[in-house]
Amino acid sequence: MSSNASTWTTERLERLKSGFEAGLSCREIAVDIGVSRNAVIGKLSRLNLTHEPGGDPRPPARKKDAADGTRREPKPRQQFRLLQALYNGSQPIAADDPIPNAHCCSLFELNEARCRWPISTPGAEDFCFCGNKPVAGLPYCPGHSRLAYRPGSRQRVAQG
């Protein structure tokens, strides 16, 4: 075949469609036709041929969690609710009030049951982590969570 000849001849298109209808993979169709797998994928896309079960154009349903059929809440929404409970559930801490750090720990002692807020500068002799009990689902204790997740702390850009 010359370089000016079309890659997608009538015969190749028929073999592409029959391979697609037979349920062959793009790699198998490409080997049969004598083109690259990417060429097959591109042509199938341009012809609007997809392997969606039942021909349903909707995206596939999310997997259900447990046997009861409930879905897991997305992480950002779950974290928002934790923070909302943190801010609404207890007395506000003044910005100047010190956060107790009697449970300081080193990196080797750090785990999920300890607040991960760094204290001092990494490399300094007194560097450690807070070590207090964290809020469930968050890496920091209540005091450090208030510092890390301040509501309205992002500056709004003036639209104009």
Protein backbone atom coordinates (compact mmCIF):
# COMPACT_ATOMS: atom_id res chain seq x y z
CA MET A 1 0.00 0.00 0.00
CA SER A 2 1.36 3.47 -0.78
CA SER A 3 1.72 6.21 1.84
CA ASN A 4 -1.16 8.14 0.25
CA ALA A 5 -3.62 5.24 0.59
CA SER A 6 -6.22 5.41 3.35
CA THR A 7 -5.61 3.24 6.42
CA TRP A 8 -9.31 2.62 6.84
CA THR A 9 -10.40 0.86 3.70
CA THR A 10 -13.95 -0.47 3.34
CA GLU A 11 -12.67 -3.99 4.03
CA ARG A 12 -10.85 -2.91 7.22
CA LEU A 13 -13.92 -1.01 8.46
CA GLU A 14 -16.07 -4.13 7.96
CA ARG A 15 -13.51 -6.29 9.82
CA LEU A 16 -13.35 -3.65 12.60
CA LYS A 17 -17.14 -3.64 13.02
CA SER A 18 -17.44 -7.44 12.90
CA GLY A 19 -14.63 -7.84 15.43
CA PHE A 20 -16.27 -5.28 17.68
CA GLU A 21 -19.65 -7.01 17.44
CA ALA A 22 -17.97 -10.36 18.17
CA GLY A 23 -16.62 -8.88 21.41
CA LEU A 24 -12.94 -9.01 20.48
CA SER A 25 -10.52 -6.77 22.36
CA CYS A 26 -9.00 -3.76 20.62
CA ARG A 27 -5.64 -5.57 20.56
CA GLU A 28 -7.18 -8.62 18.84
CA ILE A 29 -8.94 -6.44 16.27
CA ALA A 30 -5.72 -4.51 15.60
CA VAL A 31 -3.74 -7.70 14.97
CA ASP A 32 -6.47 -9.00 12.63
CA ILE A 33 -6.66 -5.76 10.63
CA GLY A 34 -2.95 -4.94 10.68
CA VAL A 35 -3.11 -1.55 12.43
CA SER A 36 -2.14 -0.33 15.90
CA ARG A 37 -4.37 -0.79 18.92
CA ASN A 38 -4.58 3.01 19.27
CA ALA A 39 -5.81 3.28 15.67
CA VAL A 40 -8.59 0.82 16.50
CA ILE A 41 -9.53 2.70 19.68
CA GLY A 42 -9.59 6.01 17.81
CA LYS A 43 -11.71 4.68 14.97
CA LEU A 44 -14.18 3.01 17.36
CA SER A 45 -14.46 6.32 19.19
CA ARG A 46 -15.06 8.27 15.98
CA LEU A 47 -17.72 5.74 14.98
CA ASN A 48 -19.33 6.06 18.45
CA LEU A 49 -18.99 2.33 19.10
CA THR A 50 -18.59 1.47 22.78
CA HIS A 51 -18.76 -1.71 24.87
CA GLU A 52 -21.27 -0.44 27.42
CA PRO A 53 -23.45 -3.22 28.85
CA GLY A 54 -26.99 -3.05 27.57
CA GLY A 55 -26.23 0.02 25.47
CA ASP A 56 -26.99 2.25 28.46
CA PRO A 57 -25.18 5.59 27.93
CA ARG A 58 -25.22 6.47 31.63
CA PRO A 59 -22.00 6.08 33.63
CA PRO A 60 -21.74 2.84 35.62
CA ALA A 61 -23.33 2.88 39.07
CA ARG A 62 -21.03 3.25 42.05
CA LYS A 63 -20.24 0.06 43.93
CA LYS A 64 -22.25 -0.45 47.05
CA ASP A 65 -20.44 -0.84 50.34
CA ALA A 66 -21.91 -3.46 52.58
CA ALA A 67 -24.61 -6.09 52.27
CA ASP A 68 -27.14 -3.53 53.46
CA GLY A 69 -26.67 -1.60 50.18
CA THR A 70 -25.56 1.69 51.71
CA ARG A 71 -23.02 3.82 49.91
CA ARG A 72 -19.94 5.19 51.58
CA GLU A 73 -19.95 8.96 52.02
CA PRO A 74 -17.29 10.75 49.90
CA LYS A 75 -14.21 11.81 51.92
CA PRO A 76 -14.54 15.62 51.54
CA ARG A 77 -18.15 15.63 52.70
CA GLN A 78 -17.32 13.33 55.62
CA GLN A 79 -14.40 15.55 56.63
CA PHE A 80 -16.64 18.63 56.39
CA ARG A 81 -19.14 17.06 58.79
CA LEU A 82 -16.38 16.15 61.24
CA LEU A 83 -15.10 19.72 61.19
CA GLN A 84 -18.59 21.12 61.47
CA ALA A 85 -19.18 18.98 64.57
CA LEU A 86 -15.82 20.09 65.96
CA TYR A 87 -16.70 23.79 65.59
CA ASN A 88 -20.33 23.50 66.67
CA GLY A 89 -19.92 20.96 69.46
CA SER A 90 -17.49 22.57 71.87
CA GLN A 91 -16.61 25.94 73.30
CA PRO A 92 -14.45 28.03 70.97
CA ILE A 93 -10.77 28.21 71.85
CA ALA A 94 -9.30 31.68 71.82
CA ALA A 95 -6.42 32.06 69.37
CA ASP A 96 -4.06 32.98 72.20
CA ASP A 97 -4.96 30.03 74.47
CA PRO A 98 -2.09 27.53 74.61
CA ILE A 99 -2.79 23.99 73.39
CA PRO A 100 -1.62 21.43 75.95
CA ASN A 101 1.40 19.48 74.69
CA ALA A 102 2.12 17.11 77.58
CA HIS A 103 2.03 14.12 75.22
CA CYS A 104 4.82 15.16 72.82
CA CYS A 105 6.28 12.32 70.76
CA SER A 106 9.00 11.70 68.20
CA LEU A 107 8.47 10.62 64.61
CA PHE A 108 9.11 7.00 65.62
CA GLU A 109 6.39 7.16 68.30
CA LEU A 110 3.86 8.83 65.98
CA ASN A 111 0.79 6.79 64.98
CA GLU A 112 -2.88 7.30 64.12
CA ALA A 113 -3.80 7.63 67.80
CA ARG A 114 -1.62 10.75 68.22
CA CYS A 115 -1.90 14.31 66.93
CA ARG A 116 0.53 14.89 64.05
CA TRP A 117 0.97 18.63 64.52
CA PRO A 118 4.70 19.46 64.36
CA ILE A 119 6.16 21.47 67.22
CA SER A 120 9.32 23.55 66.63
CA THR A 121 11.47 23.33 63.49
CA PRO A 122 12.46 20.02 61.86
CA GLY A 123 16.09 19.30 62.68
CA ALA A 124 16.06 21.31 65.91
CA GLU A 125 16.81 19.51 69.19
CA ASP A 126 13.36 20.26 70.60
CA PHE A 127 11.44 19.15 67.46
CA CYS A 128 8.54 16.78 68.18
CA PHE A 129 4.88 16.21 67.41
CA CYS A 130 1.92 17.20 69.60
CA GLY A 131 0.93 13.62 70.50
CA ASN A 132 -2.49 14.53 72.00
CA LYS A 133 -5.51 12.40 71.09
CA PRO A 134 -6.74 13.40 67.60
CA VAL A 135 -10.30 14.08 66.52
CA ALA A 136 -11.79 10.93 64.96
CA GLY A 137 -11.05 10.92 61.23
CA LEU A 138 -8.59 13.82 61.37
CA PRO A 139 -4.82 13.88 61.93
CA TYR A 140 -4.88 16.61 64.62
CA CYS A 141 -6.20 17.11 68.16
CA PRO A 142 -9.13 19.53 68.63
CA GLY A 143 -6.86 22.52 69.30
CA HIS A 144 -4.63 21.95 66.29
CA SER A 145 -7.62 21.08 64.07
CA ARG A 146 -8.95 24.55 64.79
CA LEU A 147 -5.65 26.01 63.64
CA ALA A 148 -5.40 23.79 60.55
CA TYR A 149 -9.04 24.02 59.41
CA ARG A 150 -10.12 27.58 60.12
CA PRO A 151 -13.49 28.35 58.53
CA GLY A 152 -13.37 31.28 56.13
CA SER A 153 -9.58 31.38 56.19
CA ARG A 154 -9.31 31.46 52.40
CA GLN A 155 -9.21 34.94 50.94
CA ARG A 156 -11.89 35.56 48.36
CA VAL A 157 -10.67 37.04 45.12
CA ALA A 158 -12.56 40.16 44.12
CA GLN A 159 -14.45 39.62 40.91
CA GLY A 160 -14.43 42.48 38.53
